[in-house]
Amino acid sequence: MIDKERVIFHEVQRFRQVWLWAFLTTILLLAIYAVILQLAWGKPFGNNPAPDIILTAIVAIFGVAFPVFFYLMKLTTEVRSDGLYFRFFPLHRFFHRIPWEDIKEYEVRTYSALRDYGGWGIRYGREGKAYNVSGNAGVHLELHNGDMIMIGSQRPEELASAMAQVIHPAKDKRLS
């Protein structure tokens, strides 16, 4: 049970980049065109057309399910009194928690999602694991076990400040 009064920071990020939705819309329109051409007008789509059932399945997956999946996807980050919580829905059914005592250091960083982590989503790169949806800023964590995690944020300074409030309520020092 989540104690909502103990949530100090809360952020929800979604995939809303214009370029992504333009790409997904293009795929949807191409899929609709292929179905109309092949199923309604009886003209094969392409030089080596797929059977009607396969074409329908491709349209259902890439034209409908894929965009719906991206529309539903969201990264939720919370700072609570007992740790940093994050959830990448629908890939995570529940929040993941990093207890404060597991964090060795943290800092606000600007990064390149493509160069440093290979893109957006749940990614692995030379700087560890990243959870990001958009933008190029976040809070980079180094854990005592050596793991490094980047939590992407549209409000990274506010996230780090909320973490500092809980970890070091008397001072705003970034662990060490």
Protein backbone atom coordinates (compact mmCIF):
# COMPACT_ATOMS: atom_id res chain seq x y z
CA MET A 1 0.00 0.00 0.00
CA ILE A 2 1.44 3.37 -1.03
CA ASP A 3 1.39 6.05 1.62
CA LYS A 4 0.64 9.05 -0.62
CA GLU A 5 1.58 11.53 2.11
CA ARG A 6 5.14 10.23 2.05
CA VAL A 7 5.62 10.95 -1.67
CA ILE A 8 7.92 13.97 -1.80
CA PHE A 9 8.40 14.08 -5.60
CA HIS A 10 6.22 12.61 -8.34
CA GLU A 11 6.79 12.77 -12.11
CA VAL A 12 5.10 10.97 -14.99
CA GLN A 13 6.67 11.09 -18.45
CA ARG A 14 5.20 9.74 -21.68
CA PHE A 15 6.44 9.23 -25.22
CA ARG A 16 5.00 12.32 -26.90
CA GLN A 17 7.78 13.23 -29.34
CA VAL A 18 6.44 14.52 -32.66
CA TRP A 19 8.99 12.53 -34.69
CA LEU A 20 7.94 9.26 -32.99
CA TRP A 21 4.24 9.82 -33.62
CA ALA A 22 4.92 10.92 -37.21
CA PHE A 23 6.79 7.64 -37.75
CA LEU A 24 4.05 5.54 -36.11
CA THR A 25 1.34 7.37 -38.07
CA THR A 26 3.23 6.75 -41.32
CA ILE A 27 3.38 3.03 -40.52
CA LEU A 28 -0.34 3.02 -39.70
CA LEU A 29 -1.26 4.81 -42.96
CA LEU A 30 0.95 2.46 -44.99
CA ALA A 31 -0.68 -0.53 -43.29
CA ILE A 32 -4.18 0.79 -43.99
CA TYR A 33 -3.21 1.44 -47.63
CA ALA A 34 -1.85 -2.12 -47.97
CA VAL A 35 -5.03 -3.64 -46.54
CA ILE A 36 -7.31 -1.55 -48.74
CA LEU A 37 -5.23 -2.25 -51.84
CA GLN A 38 -4.94 -5.98 -51.31
CA LEU A 39 -8.12 -6.95 -49.46
CA ALA A 40 -10.68 -4.45 -50.74
CA TRP A 41 -9.42 -3.85 -54.29
CA GLY A 42 -7.84 -7.27 -54.85
CA LYS A 43 -4.51 -5.85 -56.03
CA PRO A 44 -1.36 -7.37 -54.51
CA PHE A 45 0.67 -5.08 -52.25
CA GLY A 46 4.30 -5.19 -53.45
CA ASN A 47 6.21 -7.52 -55.75
CA ASN A 48 6.00 -10.46 -53.38
CA PRO A 49 2.69 -9.89 -51.53
CA ALA A 50 2.01 -11.53 -48.20
CA PRO A 51 -1.04 -13.77 -47.85
CA ASP A 52 -4.13 -11.87 -46.67
CA ILE A 53 -4.00 -13.39 -43.16
CA ILE A 54 -0.33 -12.41 -42.73
CA LEU A 55 -1.01 -8.90 -44.02
CA THR A 56 -3.89 -8.55 -41.58
CA ALA A 57 -1.68 -9.76 -38.71
CA ILE A 58 1.08 -7.29 -39.67
CA VAL A 59 -1.43 -4.45 -39.75
CA ALA A 60 -2.86 -5.47 -36.37
CA ILE A 61 0.59 -5.63 -34.77
CA PHE A 62 2.43 -2.70 -36.35
CA GLY A 63 -0.52 -0.51 -37.28
CA VAL A 64 -2.56 -0.88 -34.09
CA ALA A 65 -0.85 -2.71 -31.20
CA PHE A 66 2.52 -0.97 -31.56
CA PRO A 67 1.12 2.60 -31.45
CA VAL A 68 -1.22 1.68 -28.56
CA PHE A 69 1.75 0.21 -26.68
CA PHE A 70 3.72 3.47 -27.09
CA TYR A 71 0.68 5.54 -26.15
CA LEU A 72 0.25 3.59 -22.88
CA MET A 73 3.96 3.55 -22.02
CA LYS A 74 5.01 5.89 -19.22
CA LEU A 75 7.86 6.35 -16.77
CA THR A 76 6.77 7.25 -13.26
CA THR A 77 9.39 8.39 -10.77
CA GLU A 78 8.75 9.03 -7.08
CA VAL A 79 10.88 10.09 -4.15
CA ARG A 80 9.52 8.62 -0.93
CA SER A 81 10.85 8.54 2.58
CA ASP A 82 12.19 4.97 2.15
CA GLY A 83 13.72 5.21 -1.32
CA LEU A 84 13.60 6.18 -4.97
CA TYR A 85 10.78 4.47 -6.84
CA PHE A 86 10.36 4.11 -10.59
CA ARG A 87 8.06 2.20 -12.88
CA PHE A 88 8.15 1.87 -16.67
CA PHE A 89 4.57 0.86 -17.42
CA PRO A 90 3.52 -1.55 -19.00
CA LEU A 91 6.93 -3.25 -18.84
CA HIS A 92 6.99 -3.03 -15.03
CA ARG A 93 3.83 -4.14 -13.27
CA PHE A 94 5.04 -2.72 -9.97
CA PHE A 95 7.37 0.03 -8.83
CA HIS A 96 11.05 -0.77 -8.45
CA ARG A 97 12.60 0.66 -5.30
CA ILE A 98 16.17 1.72 -4.66
CA PRO A 99 16.60 2.16 -0.90
CA TRP A 100 18.50 5.29 0.11
CA GLU A 101 21.20 3.26 1.82
CA ASP A 102 22.03 1.56 -1.52
CA ILE A 103 22.89 4.87 -3.21
CA LYS A 104 26.56 5.86 -2.97
CA GLU A 105 26.37 9.04 -5.09
CA TYR A 106 23.95 10.86 -7.34
CA GLU A 107 24.11 13.91 -9.57
CA VAL A 108 22.08 15.78 -12.14
CA ARG A 109 23.51 15.13 -15.59
CA THR A 110 22.92 16.06 -19.19
CA TYR A 111 23.40 13.10 -21.52
CA SER A 112 22.70 11.92 -25.05
CA ALA A 113 20.13 9.13 -25.05
CA LEU A 114 21.32 7.89 -28.44
CA ARG A 115 25.09 8.21 -27.92
CA ASP A 116 25.31 7.19 -24.26
CA TYR A 117 22.55 4.58 -24.05
CA GLY A 118 21.52 3.72 -27.61
CA GLY A 119 18.08 5.35 -27.45
CA TRP A 120 15.07 5.77 -25.21
CA GLY A 121 13.25 3.30 -23.00
CA ILE A 122 15.05 0.86 -20.74
CA ARG A 123 18.55 0.87 -22.17
CA TYR A 124 22.07 -0.26 -21.33
CA GLY A 125 25.13 1.82 -22.15
CA ARG A 126 28.66 2.61 -21.07
CA GLU A 127 27.28 4.62 -18.13
CA GLY A 128 25.09 1.74 -16.89
CA LYS A 129 21.36 1.29 -17.21
CA ALA A 130 19.00 4.09 -18.25
CA TYR A 131 15.29 4.62 -17.85
CA ASN A 132 14.31 7.50 -20.10
CA VAL A 133 11.40 8.67 -22.19
CA SER A 134 12.48 11.99 -23.67
CA GLY A 135 14.91 14.80 -23.24
CA ASN A 136 18.56 14.73 -22.31
CA ALA A 137 18.65 15.26 -18.54
CA GLY A 138 18.24 13.13 -15.47
CA VAL A 139 19.75 12.00 -12.21
CA HIS A 140 22.64 9.57 -12.48
CA LEU A 141 22.97 7.15 -9.55
CA GLU A 142 25.98 5.15 -8.48
CA LEU A 143 25.05 2.34 -6.12
CA HIS A 144 27.30 0.81 -3.47
CA ASN A 145 27.32 -2.47 -5.44
CA GLY A 146 28.89 -0.63 -8.43
CA ASP A 147 25.74 -0.44 -10.57
CA MET A 148 25.02 2.84 -12.31
CA ILE A 149 21.51 3.97 -13.22
CA MET A 150 20.28 7.03 -15.10
CA ILE A 151 16.73 8.10 -14.31
CA GLY A 152 15.63 10.49 -17.05
CA SER A 153 13.60 13.46 -15.90
CA GLN A 154 12.04 16.63 -17.26
CA ARG A 155 12.68 18.11 -13.80
CA PRO A 156 16.09 16.70 -12.80
CA GLU A 157 17.04 19.50 -10.38
CA GLU A 158 13.75 19.11 -8.54
CA LEU A 159 14.23 15.31 -8.42
CA ALA A 160 17.75 15.67 -6.98
CA SER A 161 16.55 18.29 -4.50
CA ALA A 162 13.76 15.99 -3.29
CA MET A 163 16.29 13.17 -2.90
CA ALA A 164 18.57 15.48 -0.88
CA GLN A 165 15.65 16.48 1.38
CA VAL A 166 15.11 12.85 2.36
CA ILE A 167 18.70 11.61 2.45
CA HIS A 168 20.21 14.66 4.16
CA PRO A 169 17.35 16.69 5.61
CA ALA A 170 19.71 19.07 7.46
CA LYS A 171 21.98 19.74 4.48
CA ASP A 172 21.79 19.59 0.69
CA LYS A 173 24.96 17.59 0.11
CA ARG A 174 24.97 14.97 -2.67
CA LEU A 175 26.03 11.88 -0.63
CA SER A 176 29.78 11.10 -0.57
